[in-house]
Amino acid sequence: MTQTDRARKYWSDLKTKLKEEGSEVSEKIGQLKLPSEDGKMCETDCANTENIFRIIQSIPSPKAEPFKRWLTKVGFERVQEIENPELGQDMIKEYYELKGYSKDWIEKRLRGIAIRQELADEWKDRDIKKKTDFAILTNEISKATFGKTVLEYKEFKNLKKENQNLRYHMSDWELILSMVGENATTDITIAKDAKGFEECKETAKQGGEIASNTKKELEKKTGKSVLSKENYLHLTERKKHRQLKKDN
């Protein structure tokens, strides 16, 4: 990207330049051991996504220009979304479709996001402030609904990355039951006027139990488990293959 044959010197000068401009990027760079060209593990400067973008913006090279144009485009789109939130929803739908999700799944996912936000807002109004408390309450709903915490569910689906969102890998019914559990929790919390962590924990269990009852009834009628070890996209591919075989 820099088009230089003296990368180490270029990087040293760029860090100095950023510091002189008042940027805090150089202070946020950490060192991790990574394999070098000779195969040895060496301390290497590393940065997160935000700071990498800032560094790219500072590189005066034709090869960096496409990234800069893309960053400008993303920034412009974000301003548009703030002015017109519906554009943001349309963009999210487009991203999901590019990843291979069906329109039906996308609608459920977006509805699920709205339901989750309503519950989160309700918890905040009832003195739930810590991230750990939100996580515990979410686990209570998940345990009551599916018999698994969020982490246990991710392990069940063989999701290894910490940043992999469980709901992106849920089937239609898994998504629906998650929505039922969280929507029921919101309604029960309001009806009982639950306050504080312990009372909200109890209503979270009760909301999850309602979703669990639906799950058990469905499994009884269909004779198969709602829980799937595979993620949504794999299940979709299987359906496509089955349909193709049927058509042929």
C-alpha atoms as a PDB file:
ATOM      1  CA  MET A   1       0.000   0.000   0.000  1.00  0.00           C
ATOM      2  CA  THR A   2       2.820   2.443   0.827  1.00  0.00           C
ATOM      3  CA  GLN A   3       4.897   1.522  -2.264  1.00  0.00           C
ATOM      4  CA  THR A   4       8.118   1.796  -0.270  1.00  0.00           C
ATOM      5  CA  ASP A   5      11.068  -0.576  -0.017  1.00  0.00           C
ATOM      6  CA  ARG A   6      11.910   0.772   3.457  1.00  0.00           C
ATOM      7  CA  ALA A   7       8.810  -0.304   5.357  1.00  0.00           C
ATOM      8  CA  ARG A   8      10.339  -0.056   8.835  1.00  0.00           C
ATOM      9  CA  LYS A   9      11.547   3.531   8.240  1.00  0.00           C
ATOM     10  CA  TYR A  10       8.229   4.500   6.628  1.00  0.00           C
ATOM     11  CA  TRP A  11       6.270   3.137   9.584  1.00  0.00           C
ATOM     12  CA  SER A  12       8.513   4.911  12.103  1.00  0.00           C
ATOM     13  CA  ASP A  13       8.113   8.250  10.267  1.00  0.00           C
ATOM     14  CA  LEU A  14       4.333   7.757   9.941  1.00  0.00           C
ATOM     15  CA  LYS A  15       3.945   7.148  13.693  1.00  0.00           C
ATOM     16  CA  THR A  16       5.915  10.331  14.371  1.00  0.00           C
ATOM     17  CA  LYS A  17       3.751  12.273  11.892  1.00  0.00           C
ATOM     18  CA  LEU A  18       0.520  10.983  13.488  1.00  0.00           C
ATOM     19  CA  LYS A  19       1.762  11.969  16.938  1.00  0.00           C
ATOM     20  CA  GLU A  20       2.660  15.487  15.725  1.00  0.00           C
ATOM     21  CA  GLU A  21      -0.851  15.838  14.264  1.00  0.00           C
ATOM     22  CA  GLY A  22      -2.317  15.109  17.691  1.00  0.00           C
ATOM     23  CA  SER A  23      -3.519  11.613  16.815  1.00  0.00           C
ATOM     24  CA  GLU A  24      -3.563   9.050  19.634  1.00  0.00           C
ATOM     25  CA  VAL A  25      -3.115   6.140  17.212  1.00  0.00           C
ATOM     26  CA  SER A  26       0.545   5.547  18.126  1.00  0.00           C
ATOM     27  CA  GLU A  27      -0.416   5.258  21.808  1.00  0.00           C
ATOM     28  CA  LYS A  28      -3.025   2.609  20.970  1.00  0.00           C
ATOM     29  CA  ILE A  29      -0.670   0.356  19.044  1.00  0.00           C
ATOM     30  CA  GLY A  30       0.266  -2.843  20.834  1.00  0.00           C
ATOM     31  CA  GLN A  31       2.785  -5.568  20.138  1.00  0.00           C
ATOM     32  CA  LEU A  32       1.881  -9.196  19.435  1.00  0.00           C
ATOM     33  CA  LYS A  33       4.167 -12.042  18.466  1.00  0.00           C
ATOM     34  CA  LEU A  34       3.583 -12.894  14.794  1.00  0.00           C
ATOM     35  CA  PRO A  35       5.563 -15.052  12.334  1.00  0.00           C
ATOM     36  CA  SER A  36       8.102 -13.080  10.288  1.00  0.00           C
ATOM     37  CA  GLU A  37       9.411 -13.887   6.796  1.00  0.00           C
ATOM     38  CA  ASP A  38      12.066 -16.206   8.249  1.00  0.00           C
ATOM     39  CA  GLY A  39       9.413 -18.070  10.267  1.00  0.00           C
ATOM     40  CA  LYS A  40      10.490 -16.715  13.646  1.00  0.00           C
ATOM     41  CA  MET A  41       7.955 -15.222  16.044  1.00  0.00           C
ATOM     42  CA  CYS A  42       8.641 -11.495  16.389  1.00  0.00           C
ATOM     43  CA  GLU A  43       7.060  -8.648  18.333  1.00  0.00           C
ATOM     44  CA  THR A  44       4.902  -6.880  15.724  1.00  0.00           C
ATOM     45  CA  ASP A  45       2.984  -3.603  15.898  1.00  0.00           C
ATOM     46  CA  CYS A  46      -0.762  -4.295  15.806  1.00  0.00           C
ATOM     47  CA  ALA A  47      -3.863  -2.105  15.929  1.00  0.00           C
ATOM     48  CA  ASN A  48      -7.641  -2.557  16.017  1.00  0.00           C
ATOM     49  CA  THR A  49      -9.905  -1.881  13.024  1.00  0.00           C
ATOM     50  CA  GLU A  50     -10.630   1.757  13.906  1.00  0.00           C
ATOM     51  CA  ASN A  51      -6.950   2.643  14.225  1.00  0.00           C
ATOM     52  CA  ILE A  52      -6.009   0.722  11.077  1.00  0.00           C
ATOM     53  CA  PHE A  53      -8.500   2.875   9.153  1.00  0.00           C
ATOM     54  CA  ARG A  54      -6.968   6.000  10.672  1.00  0.00           C
ATOM     55  CA  ILE A  55      -3.503   4.851   9.582  1.00  0.00           C
ATOM     56  CA  ILE A  56      -4.725   4.165   6.032  1.00  0.00           C
ATOM     57  CA  GLN A  57      -6.127   7.699   5.847  1.00  0.00           C
ATOM     58  CA  SER A  58      -2.622   9.023   6.541  1.00  0.00           C
ATOM     59  CA  ILE A  59      -0.902   7.129   3.725  1.00  0.00           C
ATOM     60  CA  PRO A  60      -0.351   9.329   0.617  1.00  0.00           C
ATOM     61  CA  SER A  61      -0.389   6.536  -1.959  1.00  0.00           C
ATOM     62  CA  PRO A  62      -2.555   5.681  -4.995  1.00  0.00           C
ATOM     63  CA  LYS A  63      -2.953   2.171  -3.530  1.00  0.00           C
ATOM     64  CA  ALA A  64      -4.546   3.643  -0.396  1.00  0.00           C
ATOM     65  CA  GLU A  65      -6.995   5.758  -2.383  1.00  0.00           C
ATOM     66  CA  PRO A  66      -9.671   3.018  -2.893  1.00  0.00           C
ATOM     67  CA  PHE A  67      -9.787   2.472   0.881  1.00  0.00           C
ATOM     68  CA  LYS A  68     -10.119   6.213   1.478  1.00  0.00           C
ATOM     69  CA  ARG A  69     -12.973   6.468  -1.025  1.00  0.00           C
ATOM     70  CA  TRP A  70     -14.695   3.516   0.653  1.00  0.00           C
ATOM     71  CA  LEU A  71     -14.330   5.112   4.104  1.00  0.00           C
ATOM     72  CA  THR A  72     -15.797   8.353   2.734  1.00  0.00           C
ATOM     73  CA  LYS A  73     -18.724   6.428   1.224  1.00  0.00           C
ATOM     74  CA  VAL A  74     -19.393   4.584   4.499  1.00  0.00           C
ATOM     75  CA  GLY A  75     -19.278   7.861   6.421  1.00  0.00           C
ATOM     76  CA  PHE A  76     -21.721   9.478   3.995  1.00  0.00           C
ATOM     77  CA  GLU A  77     -24.088   6.490   4.252  1.00  0.00           C
ATOM     78  CA  ARG A  78     -23.954   6.694   8.052  1.00  0.00           C
ATOM     79  CA  VAL A  79     -24.979  10.375   7.943  1.00  0.00           C
ATOM     80  CA  GLN A  80     -27.875   9.433   5.646  1.00  0.00           C
ATOM     81  CA  GLU A  81     -28.963   6.687   8.077  1.00  0.00           C
ATOM     82  CA  ILE A  82     -29.028   9.190  10.959  1.00  0.00           C
ATOM     83  CA  GLU A  83     -31.205  11.535   8.914  1.00  0.00           C
ATOM     84  CA  ASN A  84     -33.439   8.690   7.655  1.00  0.00           C
ATOM     85  CA  PRO A  85     -33.326   5.516   9.841  1.00  0.00           C
ATOM     86  CA  GLU A  86     -35.293   3.510   7.235  1.00  0.00           C
ATOM     87  CA  LEU A  87     -32.246   3.625   4.967  1.00  0.00           C
ATOM     88  CA  GLY A  88     -30.278   1.877   7.694  1.00  0.00           C
ATOM     89  CA  GLN A  89     -32.799  -0.954   7.808  1.00  0.00           C
ATOM     90  CA  ASP A  90     -32.692  -1.314   4.024  1.00  0.00           C
ATOM     91  CA  MET A  91     -28.902  -1.500   4.157  1.00  0.00           C
ATOM     92  CA  ILE A  92     -28.980  -4.154   6.895  1.00  0.00           C
ATOM     93  CA  LYS A  93     -31.387  -6.228   4.793  1.00  0.00           C
ATOM     94  CA  GLU A  94     -29.045  -5.920   1.828  1.00  0.00           C
ATOM     95  CA  TYR A  95     -26.046  -7.072   3.888  1.00  0.00           C
ATOM     96  CA  TYR A  96     -27.962 -10.096   5.179  1.00  0.00           C
ATOM     97  CA  GLU A  97     -29.086 -11.015   1.650  1.00  0.00           C
ATOM     98  CA  LEU A  98     -25.486 -10.826   0.421  1.00  0.00           C
ATOM     99  CA  LYS A  99     -24.549 -13.292   3.173  1.00  0.00           C
ATOM    100  CA  GLY A 100     -27.175 -15.711   1.853  1.00  0.00           C
ATOM    101  CA  TYR A 101     -30.046 -15.243   4.309  1.00  0.00           C
ATOM    102  CA  SER A 102     -33.613 -15.475   3.011  1.00  0.00           C
ATOM    103  CA  LYS A 103     -36.004 -12.523   3.190  1.00  0.00           C
ATOM    104  CA  ASP A 104     -38.180 -14.391   5.725  1.00  0.00           C
ATOM    105  CA  TRP A 105     -35.191 -14.998   8.006  1.00  0.00           C
ATOM    106  CA  ILE A 106     -34.111 -11.362   7.691  1.00  0.00           C
ATOM    107  CA  GLU A 107     -37.560 -10.102   8.704  1.00  0.00           C
ATOM    108  CA  LYS A 108     -37.495 -12.346  11.784  1.00  0.00           C
ATOM    109  CA  ARG A 109     -33.982 -11.213  12.684  1.00  0.00           C
ATOM    110  CA  LEU A 110     -34.874  -7.523  12.417  1.00  0.00           C
ATOM    111  CA  ARG A 111     -38.017  -8.060  14.491  1.00  0.00           C
ATOM    112  CA  GLY A 112     -35.895  -9.929  17.013  1.00  0.00           C
ATOM    113  CA  ILE A 113     -33.493  -6.985  17.249  1.00  0.00           C
ATOM    114  CA  ALA A 114     -36.428  -4.647  17.979  1.00  0.00           C
ATOM    115  CA  ILE A 115     -37.821  -6.994  20.660  1.00  0.00           C
ATOM    116  CA  ARG A 116     -34.379  -7.320  22.252  1.00  0.00           C
ATOM    117  CA  GLN A 117     -33.991  -3.537  22.334  1.00  0.00           C
ATOM    118  CA  GLU A 118     -37.381  -3.120  24.016  1.00  0.00           C
ATOM    119  CA  LEU A 119     -36.335  -5.613  26.692  1.00  0.00           C
ATOM    120  CA  ALA A 120     -32.940  -3.950  27.175  1.00  0.00           C
ATOM    121  CA  ASP A 121     -34.618  -0.549  27.585  1.00  0.00           C
ATOM    122  CA  GLU A 122     -37.029  -2.042  30.137  1.00  0.00           C
ATOM    123  CA  TRP A 123     -34.147  -3.532  32.118  1.00  0.00           C
ATOM    124  CA  LYS A 124     -32.298  -0.204  32.087  1.00  0.00           C
ATOM    125  CA  ASP A 125     -35.379   1.530  33.486  1.00  0.00           C
ATOM    126  CA  ARG A 126     -35.438  -1.067  36.287  1.00  0.00           C
ATOM    127  CA  ASP A 127     -31.915  -0.390  37.546  1.00  0.00           C
ATOM    128  CA  ILE A 128     -30.038  -2.973  35.468  1.00  0.00           C
ATOM    129  CA  LYS A 129     -26.865  -1.138  34.531  1.00  0.00           C
ATOM    130  CA  LYS A 130     -23.917  -3.568  34.370  1.00  0.00           C
ATOM    131  CA  LYS A 131     -23.090  -5.480  31.188  1.00  0.00           C
ATOM    132  CA  THR A 132     -22.551  -8.596  33.298  1.00  0.00           C
ATOM    133  CA  ASP A 133     -26.103  -8.305  34.679  1.00  0.00           C
ATOM    134  CA  PHE A 134     -27.520  -8.030  31.148  1.00  0.00           C
ATOM    135  CA  ALA A 135     -25.548 -11.147  30.206  1.00  0.00           C
ATOM    136  CA  ILE A 136     -26.796 -13.076  33.262  1.00  0.00           C
ATOM    137  CA  LEU A 137     -30.430 -12.142  32.591  1.00  0.00           C
ATOM    138  CA  THR A 138     -30.060 -13.119  28.934  1.00  0.00           C
ATOM    139  CA  ASN A 139     -28.633 -16.469  30.041  1.00  0.00           C
ATOM    140  CA  GLU A 140     -31.640 -17.012  32.321  1.00  0.00           C
ATOM    141  CA  ILE A 141     -33.989 -16.642  29.331  1.00  0.00           C
ATOM    142  CA  SER A 142     -31.785 -18.883  27.185  1.00  0.00           C
ATOM    143  CA  LYS A 143     -31.502 -21.588  29.878  1.00  0.00           C
ATOM    144  CA  ALA A 144     -35.250 -21.606  30.477  1.00  0.00           C
ATOM    145  CA  THR A 145     -36.022 -21.670  26.728  1.00  0.00           C
ATOM    146  CA  PHE A 146     -33.370 -24.003  25.325  1.00  0.00           C
ATOM    147  CA  GLY A 147     -31.778 -25.575  28.408  1.00  0.00           C
ATOM    148  CA  LYS A 148     -28.472 -23.896  27.555  1.00  0.00           C
ATOM    149  CA  THR A 149     -26.673 -20.650  28.360  1.00  0.00           C
ATOM    150  CA  VAL A 150     -25.611 -18.519  25.386  1.00  0.00           C
ATOM    151  CA  LEU A 151     -22.032 -19.842  25.650  1.00  0.00           C
ATOM    152  CA  GLU A 152     -23.215 -23.461  25.910  1.00  0.00           C
ATOM    153  CA  TYR A 153     -25.445 -22.903  22.879  1.00  0.00           C
ATOM    154  CA  LYS A 154     -22.517 -21.469  20.890  1.00  0.00           C
ATOM    155  CA  GLU A 155     -20.409 -24.498  21.822  1.00  0.00           C
ATOM    156  CA  PHE A 156     -23.322 -26.743  20.810  1.00  0.00           C
ATOM    157  CA  LYS A 157     -23.276 -25.086  17.373  1.00  0.00           C
ATOM    158  CA  ASN A 158     -19.469 -25.264  17.276  1.00  0.00           C
ATOM    159  CA  LEU A 159     -19.060 -21.482  17.128  1.00  0.00           C
ATOM    160  CA  LYS A 160     -15.498 -20.860  18.241  1.00  0.00           C
ATOM    161  CA  LYS A 161     -14.996 -17.146  17.748  1.00  0.00           C
ATOM    162  CA  GLU A 162     -16.003 -14.906  20.640  1.00  0.00           C
ATOM    163  CA  ASN A 163     -17.409 -12.314  18.248  1.00  0.00           C
ATOM    164  CA  GLN A 164     -19.667 -14.818  16.436  1.00  0.00           C
ATOM    165  CA  ASN A 165     -23.233 -13.779  17.170  1.00  0.00           C
ATOM    166  CA  LEU A 166     -25.289 -16.856  18.078  1.00  0.00           C
ATOM    167  CA  ARG A 167     -28.453 -15.477  16.480  1.00  0.00           C
ATOM    168  CA  TYR A 168     -26.811 -15.197  13.061  1.00  0.00           C
ATOM    169  CA  HIS A 169     -26.562 -18.990  13.156  1.00  0.00           C
ATOM    170  CA  MET A 170     -30.067 -19.788  14.407  1.00  0.00           C
ATOM    171  CA  SER A 171     -32.741 -21.531  12.365  1.00  0.00           C
ATOM    172  CA  ASP A 172     -36.171 -19.936  11.916  1.00  0.00           C
ATOM    173  CA  TRP A 173     -37.668 -21.678  14.965  1.00  0.00           C
ATOM    174  CA  GLU A 174     -34.659 -20.947  17.158  1.00  0.00           C
ATOM    175  CA  LEU A 175     -35.018 -17.262  16.269  1.00  0.00           C
ATOM    176  CA  ILE A 176     -38.780 -17.305  16.860  1.00  0.00           C
ATOM    177  CA  LEU A 177     -38.434 -18.942  20.288  1.00  0.00           C
ATOM    178  CA  SER A 178     -35.757 -16.423  21.266  1.00  0.00           C
ATOM    179  CA  MET A 179     -38.209 -13.660  20.365  1.00  0.00           C
ATOM    180  CA  VAL A 180     -41.029 -15.336  22.323  1.00  0.00           C
ATOM    181  CA  GLY A 181     -38.830 -15.647  25.418  1.00  0.00           C
ATOM    182  CA  GLU A 182     -37.648 -12.045  25.321  1.00  0.00           C
ATOM    183  CA  ASN A 183     -41.045 -10.569  24.426  1.00  0.00           C
ATOM    184  CA  ALA A 184     -42.704 -12.577  27.215  1.00  0.00           C
ATOM    185  CA  THR A 185     -40.010 -11.408  29.641  1.00  0.00           C
ATOM    186  CA  THR A 186     -40.705  -7.769  28.746  1.00  0.00           C
ATOM    187  CA  ASP A 187     -44.460  -8.164  29.252  1.00  0.00           C
ATOM    188  CA  ILE A 188     -44.089 -10.076  32.546  1.00  0.00           C
ATOM    189  CA  THR A 189     -41.542  -7.569  33.837  1.00  0.00           C
ATOM    190  CA  ILE A 190     -43.954  -4.711  33.131  1.00  0.00           C
ATOM    191  CA  ALA A 191     -46.982  -6.554  34.532  1.00  0.00           C
ATOM    192  CA  LYS A 192     -45.185  -7.416  37.784  1.00  0.00           C
ATOM    193  CA  ASP A 193     -43.382  -4.067  37.883  1.00  0.00           C
ATOM    194  CA  ALA A 194     -40.161  -5.949  38.618  1.00  0.00           C
ATOM    195  CA  LYS A 195     -37.355  -3.796  39.992  1.00  0.00           C
ATOM    196  CA  GLY A 196     -33.694  -4.574  40.479  1.00  0.00           C
ATOM    197  CA  PHE A 197     -31.603  -7.540  39.428  1.00  0.00           C
ATOM    198  CA  GLU A 198     -33.214 -10.320  41.481  1.00  0.00           C
ATOM    199  CA  GLU A 199     -36.798  -9.512  40.467  1.00  0.00           C
ATOM    200  CA  CYS A 200     -35.800  -9.141  36.814  1.00  0.00           C
ATOM    201  CA  LYS A 201     -33.956 -12.452  37.036  1.00  0.00           C
ATOM    202  CA  GLU A 202     -37.178 -14.134  38.124  1.00  0.00           C
ATOM    203  CA  THR A 203     -39.225 -12.601  35.289  1.00  0.00           C
ATOM    204  CA  ALA A 204     -36.478 -13.605  32.821  1.00  0.00           C
ATOM    205  CA  LYS A 205     -36.896 -17.232  33.906  1.00  0.00           C
ATOM    206  CA  GLN A 206     -40.674 -16.969  33.561  1.00  0.00           C
ATOM    207  CA  GLY A 207     -40.406 -15.458  30.076  1.00  0.00           C
ATOM    208  CA  GLY A 208     -38.060 -18.246  29.007  1.00  0.00           C
ATOM    209  CA  GLU A 209     -40.433 -20.869  30.413  1.00  0.00           C
ATOM    210  CA  ILE A 210     -43.225 -19.601  28.160  1.00  0.00           C
ATOM    211  CA  ALA A 211     -40.946 -20.036  25.119  1.00  0.00           C
ATOM    212  CA  SER A 212     -39.900 -23.455  26.441  1.00  0.00           C
ATOM    213  CA  ASN A 213     -43.530 -24.597  26.616  1.00  0.00           C
ATOM    214  CA  THR A 214     -43.979 -23.615  22.973  1.00  0.00           C
ATOM    215  CA  LYS A 215     -40.783 -25.471  22.082  1.00  0.00           C
ATOM    216  CA  LYS A 216     -41.885 -28.657  23.893  1.00  0.00           C
ATOM    217  CA  GLU A 217     -45.322 -28.608  22.275  1.00  0.00           C
ATOM    218  CA  LEU A 218     -43.790 -28.151  18.814  1.00  0.00           C
ATOM    219  CA  GLU A 219     -41.283 -30.964  19.364  1.00  0.00           C
ATOM    220  CA  LYS A 220     -44.088 -33.232  20.591  1.00  0.00           C
ATOM    221  CA  LYS A 221     -46.143 -32.610  17.446  1.00  0.00           C
ATOM    222  CA  THR A 222     -43.239 -32.825  14.966  1.00  0.00           C
ATOM    223  CA  GLY A 223     -41.275 -35.578  16.707  1.00  0.00           C
ATOM    224  CA  LYS A 224     -37.961 -33.767  16.317  1.00  0.00           C
ATOM    225  CA  SER A 225     -35.829 -31.339  18.297  1.00  0.00           C
ATOM    226  CA  VAL A 226     -35.975 -27.621  17.534  1.00  0.00           C
ATOM    227  CA  LEU A 227     -32.298 -27.249  18.510  1.00  0.00           C
ATOM    228  CA  SER A 228     -29.906 -27.726  15.626  1.00  0.00           C
ATOM    229  CA  LYS A 229     -26.120 -28.087  15.764  1.00  0.00           C
ATOM    230  CA  GLU A 230     -25.905 -26.570  12.299  1.00  0.00           C
ATOM    231  CA  ASN A 231     -26.194 -22.889  11.584  1.00  0.00           C
ATOM    232  CA  TYR A 232     -28.927 -21.317   9.482  1.00  0.00           C
ATOM    233  CA  LEU A 233     -26.917 -20.988   6.275  1.00  0.00           C
ATOM    234  CA  HIS A 234     -25.943 -24.678   6.298  1.00  0.00           C
ATOM    235  CA  LEU A 235     -29.574 -25.649   6.806  1.00  0.00           C
ATOM    236  CA  THR A 236     -30.596 -23.377   3.918  1.00  0.00           C
ATOM    237  CA  GLU A 237     -28.015 -24.982   1.613  1.00  0.00           C
ATOM    238  CA  ARG A 238     -29.389 -28.426   2.486  1.00  0.00           C
ATOM    239  CA  LYS A 239     -32.916 -27.287   1.627  1.00  0.00           C
ATOM    240  CA  LYS A 240     -31.682 -25.981  -1.732  1.00  0.00           C
ATOM    241  CA  HIS A 241     -29.938 -29.282  -2.528  1.00  0.00           C
ATOM    242  CA  ARG A 242     -33.035 -31.274  -1.566  1.00  0.00           C
ATOM    243  CA  GLN A 243     -35.203 -29.047  -3.763  1.00  0.00           C
ATOM    244  CA  LEU A 244     -32.805 -29.403  -6.704  1.00  0.00           C
ATOM    245  CA  LYS A 245     -32.864 -33.201  -6.382  1.00  0.00           C
ATOM    246  CA  LYS A 246     -36.653 -33.123  -6.199  1.00  0.00           C
ATOM    247  CA  ASP A 247     -36.885 -30.907  -9.293  1.00  0.00           C
ATOM    248  CA  ASN A 248     -34.513 -33.175 -11.227  1.00  0.00           C
END
